[in-house]
Amino acid sequence: MSKSLSIVFSRLGSLLVTLVVMSFIIFLLVEIMPGDVAQMILGQSATKESVQALREAKGLDDPLLVRYGRWVGGLARGDLGESLYMKGVTINSILWRRVANSLLLALTAFIF
């Protein structure tokens, strides 16, 4: 294998390790933030039973590594999950609407 190809593979490996480590650190930081995600979604007037039901439905009671693995698996499949604020709307649909506008703007700027 040529030296330049070896360097490329080495850098790609370093990139992959960095992405995994940083994504886990960010996932962990979000986890240790104060507050309960289920409580924030349902609001302050929600009962303990409804909060617990949402935690079970969303898998928020699962261990940290299980939730991280589920998130990484979804990310690998292209499934970014569901919006917490827009009920029933996937993050993919929100993202693609924004990306389409950004690509149109970039293409226009590139042409002119």
N, C-alpha and C. Protein backbone atom coordinates (compact mmCIF):
# COMPACT_ATOMS: atom_id res chain seq x y z
N MET A 1 0.85 -1.16 0.00
CA MET A 1 0.00 0.00 0.00
C MET A 1 0.90 1.24 0.00
N SER A 2 0.51 2.21 -0.79
CA SER A 2 1.34 3.42 -0.88
C SER A 2 1.25 4.23 0.41
N LYS A 3 2.23 5.07 0.60
CA LYS A 3 2.30 5.87 1.82
C LYS A 3 1.12 6.84 1.92
N SER A 4 0.74 7.46 0.80
CA SER A 4 -0.37 8.42 0.84
C SER A 4 -1.70 7.73 1.14
N LEU A 5 -1.89 6.53 0.62
CA LEU A 5 -3.11 5.78 0.91
C LEU A 5 -3.16 5.37 2.37
N SER A 6 -2.02 5.03 2.91
CA SER A 6 -1.93 4.68 4.33
C SER A 6 -2.29 5.88 5.21
N ILE A 7 -1.83 7.05 4.82
CA ILE A 7 -2.15 8.27 5.57
C ILE A 7 -3.64 8.57 5.50
N VAL A 8 -4.24 8.39 4.33
CA VAL A 8 -5.68 8.63 4.18
C VAL A 8 -6.48 7.71 5.09
N PHE A 9 -6.15 6.42 5.09
CA PHE A 9 -6.87 5.47 5.95
C PHE A 9 -6.65 5.76 7.43
N SER A 10 -5.46 6.18 7.77
CA SER A 10 -5.16 6.54 9.15
C SER A 10 -6.00 7.74 9.60
N ARG A 11 -6.10 8.73 8.74
CA ARG A 11 -6.89 9.92 9.06
C ARG A 11 -8.38 9.60 9.13
N LEU A 12 -8.85 8.75 8.23
CA LEU A 12 -10.26 8.36 8.26
C LEU A 12 -10.58 7.59 9.55
N GLY A 13 -9.66 6.74 9.97
CA GLY A 13 -9.84 6.02 11.23
C GLY A 13 -9.87 6.97 12.41
N SER A 14 -8.98 7.95 12.40
CA SER A 14 -8.96 8.95 13.47
C SER A 14 -10.26 9.76 13.48
N LEU A 15 -10.75 10.09 12.29
CA LEU A 15 -12.01 10.82 12.18
C LEU A 15 -13.16 10.03 12.77
N LEU A 16 -13.23 8.75 12.46
CA LEU A 16 -14.30 7.90 12.97
C LEU A 16 -14.25 7.80 14.49
N VAL A 17 -13.07 7.58 15.04
CA VAL A 17 -12.92 7.50 16.50
C VAL A 17 -13.32 8.83 17.15
N THR A 18 -12.89 9.94 16.57
CA THR A 18 -13.23 11.25 17.12
C THR A 18 -14.74 11.48 17.09
N LEU A 19 -15.39 11.11 15.99
CA LEU A 19 -16.85 11.28 15.90
C LEU A 19 -17.58 10.46 16.95
N VAL A 20 -17.17 9.22 17.15
CA VAL A 20 -17.82 8.36 18.14
C VAL A 20 -17.62 8.92 19.54
N VAL A 21 -16.39 9.29 19.87
CA VAL A 21 -16.10 9.81 21.21
C VAL A 21 -16.86 11.11 21.46
N MET A 22 -16.83 12.03 20.51
CA MET A 22 -17.50 13.31 20.70
C MET A 22 -19.02 13.14 20.77
N SER A 23 -19.58 12.26 19.95
CA SER A 23 -21.03 12.05 20.01
C SER A 23 -21.43 11.47 21.36
N PHE A 24 -20.60 10.58 21.91
CA PHE A 24 -20.92 10.01 23.23
C PHE A 24 -20.80 11.07 24.31
N ILE A 25 -19.79 11.93 24.23
CA ILE A 25 -19.63 12.99 25.23
C ILE A 25 -20.83 13.94 25.19
N ILE A 26 -21.26 14.33 23.99
CA ILE A 26 -22.41 15.22 23.87
C ILE A 26 -23.67 14.52 24.37
N PHE A 27 -23.84 13.25 24.04
CA PHE A 27 -24.99 12.48 24.52
C PHE A 27 -24.98 12.44 26.04
N LEU A 28 -23.82 12.24 26.63
CA LEU A 28 -23.68 12.19 28.09
C LEU A 28 -23.97 13.56 28.71
N LEU A 29 -23.49 14.63 28.11
CA LEU A 29 -23.75 15.97 28.64
C LEU A 29 -25.23 16.31 28.61
N VAL A 30 -25.92 15.91 27.55
CA VAL A 30 -27.36 16.13 27.48
C VAL A 30 -28.06 15.32 28.56
N GLU A 31 -27.57 14.13 28.81
CA GLU A 31 -28.16 13.25 29.83
C GLU A 31 -28.05 13.84 31.23
N ILE A 32 -26.92 14.47 31.55
CA ILE A 32 -26.72 14.95 32.92
C ILE A 32 -27.28 16.35 33.14
N MET A 33 -27.86 16.94 32.10
CA MET A 33 -28.50 18.25 32.29
C MET A 33 -29.65 18.11 33.27
N PRO A 34 -29.89 19.14 34.06
CA PRO A 34 -31.00 19.06 35.01
C PRO A 34 -32.35 19.05 34.29
N GLY A 35 -33.32 18.41 34.90
CA GLY A 35 -34.66 18.35 34.34
C GLY A 35 -34.95 17.00 33.73
N ASP A 36 -36.21 16.76 33.51
CA ASP A 36 -36.70 15.51 32.95
C ASP A 36 -37.31 15.80 31.58
N VAL A 37 -36.84 15.11 30.56
CA VAL A 37 -37.32 15.34 29.20
C VAL A 37 -38.82 15.08 29.12
N ALA A 38 -39.27 14.00 29.73
CA ALA A 38 -40.70 13.67 29.69
C ALA A 38 -41.53 14.76 30.36
N GLN A 39 -41.03 15.29 31.46
CA GLN A 39 -41.74 16.36 32.16
C GLN A 39 -41.78 17.62 31.30
N MET A 40 -40.70 17.92 30.60
CA MET A 40 -40.66 19.10 29.73
C MET A 40 -41.63 18.95 28.56
N ILE A 41 -41.74 17.74 28.01
CA ILE A 41 -42.65 17.52 26.88
C ILE A 41 -44.09 17.69 27.32
N LEU A 42 -44.44 17.11 28.46
CA LEU A 42 -45.83 17.12 28.92
C LEU A 42 -46.22 18.40 29.66
N GLY A 43 -45.24 19.12 30.17
CA GLY A 43 -45.55 20.35 30.91
C GLY A 43 -45.61 20.10 32.40
N GLN A 44 -45.64 21.20 33.15
CA GLN A 44 -45.60 21.12 34.61
C GLN A 44 -46.88 20.55 35.21
N SER A 45 -47.99 20.64 34.49
CA SER A 45 -49.25 20.16 35.05
C SER A 45 -49.48 18.66 34.83
N ALA A 46 -48.53 17.97 34.22
CA ALA A 46 -48.68 16.54 33.94
C ALA A 46 -48.61 15.72 35.23
N THR A 47 -49.37 14.64 35.25
CA THR A 47 -49.35 13.76 36.42
C THR A 47 -48.11 12.87 36.37
N LYS A 48 -47.76 12.31 37.52
CA LYS A 48 -46.60 11.42 37.58
C LYS A 48 -46.81 10.19 36.71
N GLU A 49 -48.06 9.72 36.65
CA GLU A 49 -48.36 8.54 35.85
C GLU A 49 -48.15 8.80 34.36
N SER A 50 -48.60 9.97 33.89
CA SER A 50 -48.43 10.28 32.46
C SER A 50 -46.96 10.50 32.12
N VAL A 51 -46.21 11.10 33.03
CA VAL A 51 -44.77 11.28 32.80
C VAL A 51 -44.08 9.92 32.73
N GLN A 52 -44.43 9.03 33.66
CA GLN A 52 -43.82 7.69 33.66
C GLN A 52 -44.21 6.91 32.41
N ALA A 53 -45.46 7.05 31.96
CA ALA A 53 -45.90 6.36 30.75
C ALA A 53 -45.12 6.85 29.53
N LEU A 54 -44.88 8.15 29.46
CA LEU A 54 -44.10 8.69 28.34
C LEU A 54 -42.65 8.23 28.41
N ARG A 55 -42.09 8.19 29.61
CA ARG A 55 -40.71 7.72 29.78
C ARG A 55 -40.57 6.28 29.29
N GLU A 56 -41.56 5.44 29.61
CA GLU A 56 -41.53 4.04 29.16
C GLU A 56 -41.73 3.95 27.65
N ALA A 57 -42.66 4.76 27.11
CA ALA A 57 -42.95 4.71 25.67
C ALA A 57 -41.75 5.16 24.83
N LYS A 58 -41.03 6.15 25.30
CA LYS A 58 -39.88 6.68 24.57
C LYS A 58 -38.58 5.96 24.91
N GLY A 59 -38.62 5.05 25.87
CA GLY A 59 -37.41 4.32 26.26
C GLY A 59 -36.45 5.13 27.11
N LEU A 60 -36.96 6.15 27.79
CA LEU A 60 -36.10 7.02 28.60
C LEU A 60 -35.65 6.36 29.89
N ASP A 61 -36.28 5.26 30.26
CA ASP A 61 -35.89 4.52 31.46
C ASP A 61 -34.76 3.52 31.19
N ASP A 62 -34.46 3.30 29.91
CA ASP A 62 -33.40 2.36 29.56
C ASP A 62 -32.04 2.91 29.99
N PRO A 63 -31.06 2.03 30.18
CA PRO A 63 -29.71 2.50 30.54
C PRO A 63 -29.11 3.40 29.45
N LEU A 64 -28.18 4.22 29.86
CA LEU A 64 -27.56 5.20 28.97
C LEU A 64 -26.96 4.55 27.72
N LEU A 65 -26.22 3.48 27.89
CA LEU A 65 -25.58 2.84 26.73
C LEU A 65 -26.59 2.24 25.76
N VAL A 66 -27.71 1.76 26.28
CA VAL A 66 -28.77 1.21 25.42
C VAL A 66 -29.37 2.34 24.58
N ARG A 67 -29.66 3.47 25.22
CA ARG A 67 -30.22 4.61 24.49
C ARG A 67 -29.23 5.17 23.48
N TYR A 68 -27.95 5.22 23.85
CA TYR A 68 -26.92 5.70 22.91
C TYR A 68 -26.83 4.75 21.72
N GLY A 69 -26.83 3.45 21.97
CA GLY A 69 -26.79 2.48 20.88
C GLY A 69 -27.99 2.59 19.96
N ARG A 70 -29.16 2.80 20.54
CA ARG A 70 -30.38 2.97 19.74
C ARG A 70 -30.27 4.23 18.88
N TRP A 71 -29.73 5.30 19.47
CA TRP A 71 -29.58 6.56 18.74
C TRP A 71 -28.58 6.40 17.60
N VAL A 72 -27.44 5.76 17.85
CA VAL A 72 -26.43 5.55 16.81
C VAL A 72 -27.00 4.65 15.71
N GLY A 73 -27.75 3.61 16.10
CA GLY A 73 -28.37 2.74 15.11
C GLY A 73 -29.35 3.49 14.23
N GLY A 74 -30.16 4.34 14.84
CA GLY A 74 -31.09 5.17 14.07
C GLY A 74 -30.35 6.12 13.15
N LEU A 75 -29.28 6.69 13.66
CA LEU A 75 -28.47 7.60 12.85
C LEU A 75 -27.88 6.87 11.65
N ALA A 76 -27.42 5.65 11.85
CA ALA A 76 -26.85 4.86 10.75
C ALA A 76 -27.91 4.51 9.71
N ARG A 77 -29.16 4.35 10.14
CA ARG A 77 -30.26 4.06 9.22
C ARG A 77 -30.84 5.33 8.59
N GLY A 78 -30.40 6.49 9.07
CA GLY A 78 -30.95 7.75 8.57
C GLY A 78 -32.20 8.18 9.30
N ASP A 79 -32.49 7.56 10.43
CA ASP A 79 -33.66 7.91 11.23
C ASP A 79 -33.20 8.78 12.40
N LEU A 80 -33.50 10.06 12.33
CA LEU A 80 -33.05 10.98 13.37
C LEU A 80 -34.05 11.13 14.51
N GLY A 81 -35.17 10.44 14.41
CA GLY A 81 -36.13 10.47 15.50
C GLY A 81 -37.28 11.42 15.25
N GLU A 82 -38.00 11.70 16.32
CA GLU A 82 -39.20 12.53 16.26
C GLU A 82 -38.96 13.81 17.05
N SER A 83 -39.50 14.90 16.56
CA SER A 83 -39.34 16.19 17.23
C SER A 83 -40.05 16.18 18.58
N LEU A 84 -39.40 16.77 19.58
CA LEU A 84 -40.02 16.87 20.90
C LEU A 84 -41.06 17.98 20.95
N TYR A 85 -40.91 18.97 20.09
CA TYR A 85 -41.79 20.13 20.14
C TYR A 85 -42.92 20.06 19.13
N MET A 86 -42.68 19.48 17.97
CA MET A 86 -43.71 19.32 16.95
C MET A 86 -44.16 17.87 16.99
N LYS A 87 -45.19 17.59 17.71
CA LYS A 87 -45.63 16.21 17.93
C LYS A 87 -45.99 15.52 16.60
N GLY A 88 -45.43 14.34 16.41
CA GLY A 88 -45.73 13.54 15.23
C GLY A 88 -44.92 13.91 14.00
N VAL A 89 -44.02 14.87 14.11
CA VAL A 89 -43.21 15.30 12.96
C VAL A 89 -41.80 14.76 13.14
N THR A 90 -41.28 14.12 12.10
CA THR A 90 -39.94 13.56 12.19
C THR A 90 -38.89 14.66 11.97
N ILE A 91 -37.75 14.46 12.57
CA ILE A 91 -36.65 15.42 12.40
C ILE A 91 -36.17 15.40 10.96
N ASN A 92 -36.22 14.23 10.31
CA ASN A 92 -35.82 14.14 8.91
C ASN A 92 -36.63 15.10 8.04
N SER A 93 -37.95 15.13 8.23
CA SER A 93 -38.78 16.00 7.40
C SER A 93 -38.47 17.47 7.67
N ILE A 94 -38.22 17.82 8.92
CA ILE A 94 -37.85 19.20 9.26
C ILE A 94 -36.51 19.55 8.62
N LEU A 95 -35.56 18.65 8.74
CA LEU A 95 -34.21 18.88 8.23
C LEU A 95 -34.20 19.01 6.71
N TRP A 96 -34.92 18.12 6.02
CA TRP A 96 -34.89 18.16 4.56
C TRP A 96 -35.55 19.41 4.00
N ARG A 97 -36.56 19.94 4.68
CA ARG A 97 -37.14 21.22 4.23
C ARG A 97 -36.10 22.32 4.29
N ARG A 98 -35.31 22.34 5.37
CA ARG A 98 -34.28 23.37 5.53
C ARG A 98 -33.12 23.15 4.56
N VAL A 99 -32.75 21.89 4.35
CA VAL A 99 -31.64 21.58 3.45
C VAL A 99 -32.01 21.97 2.02
N ALA A 100 -33.25 21.72 1.62
CA ALA A 100 -33.68 22.07 0.27
C ALA A 100 -33.54 23.58 0.04
N ASN A 101 -33.96 24.37 1.00
CA ASN A 101 -33.82 25.83 0.87
C ASN A 101 -32.35 26.23 0.83
N SER A 102 -31.53 25.62 1.66
CA SER A 102 -30.10 25.94 1.69
C SER A 102 -29.41 25.56 0.39
N LEU A 103 -29.77 24.39 -0.16
CA LEU A 103 -29.18 23.97 -1.44
C LEU A 103 -29.59 24.90 -2.57
N LEU A 104 -30.84 25.34 -2.57
CA LEU A 104 -31.30 26.28 -3.58
C LEU A 104 -30.52 27.59 -3.48
N LEU A 105 -30.34 28.08 -2.28
CA LEU A 105 -29.57 29.31 -2.07
C LEU A 105 -28.11 29.13 -2.50
N ALA A 106 -27.50 28.01 -2.14
CA ALA A 106 -26.11 27.74 -2.51
C ALA A 106 -25.96 27.62 -4.02
N LEU A 107 -26.89 26.94 -4.66
CA LEU A 107 -26.84 26.78 -6.12
C LEU A 107 -26.97 28.13 -6.81
N THR A 108 -27.89 28.95 -6.33
CA THR A 108 -28.08 30.28 -6.90
C THR A 108 -26.81 31.12 -6.74
N ALA A 109 -26.21 31.07 -5.57
CA ALA A 109 -24.98 31.83 -5.33
C ALA A 109 -23.83 31.30 -6.19
N PHE A 110 -23.80 29.99 -6.41
CA PHE A 110 -22.74 29.40 -7.22
C PHE A 110 -22.86 29.81 -8.68
N ILE A 111 -24.09 29.85 -9.18
CA ILE A 111 -24.32 30.19 -10.59
C ILE A 111 -24.05 31.67 -10.85
N PHE A 112 -24.52 32.52 -9.95
CA PHE A 112 -24.38 33.96 -10.17
C PHE A 112 -23.24 34.47 -9.36
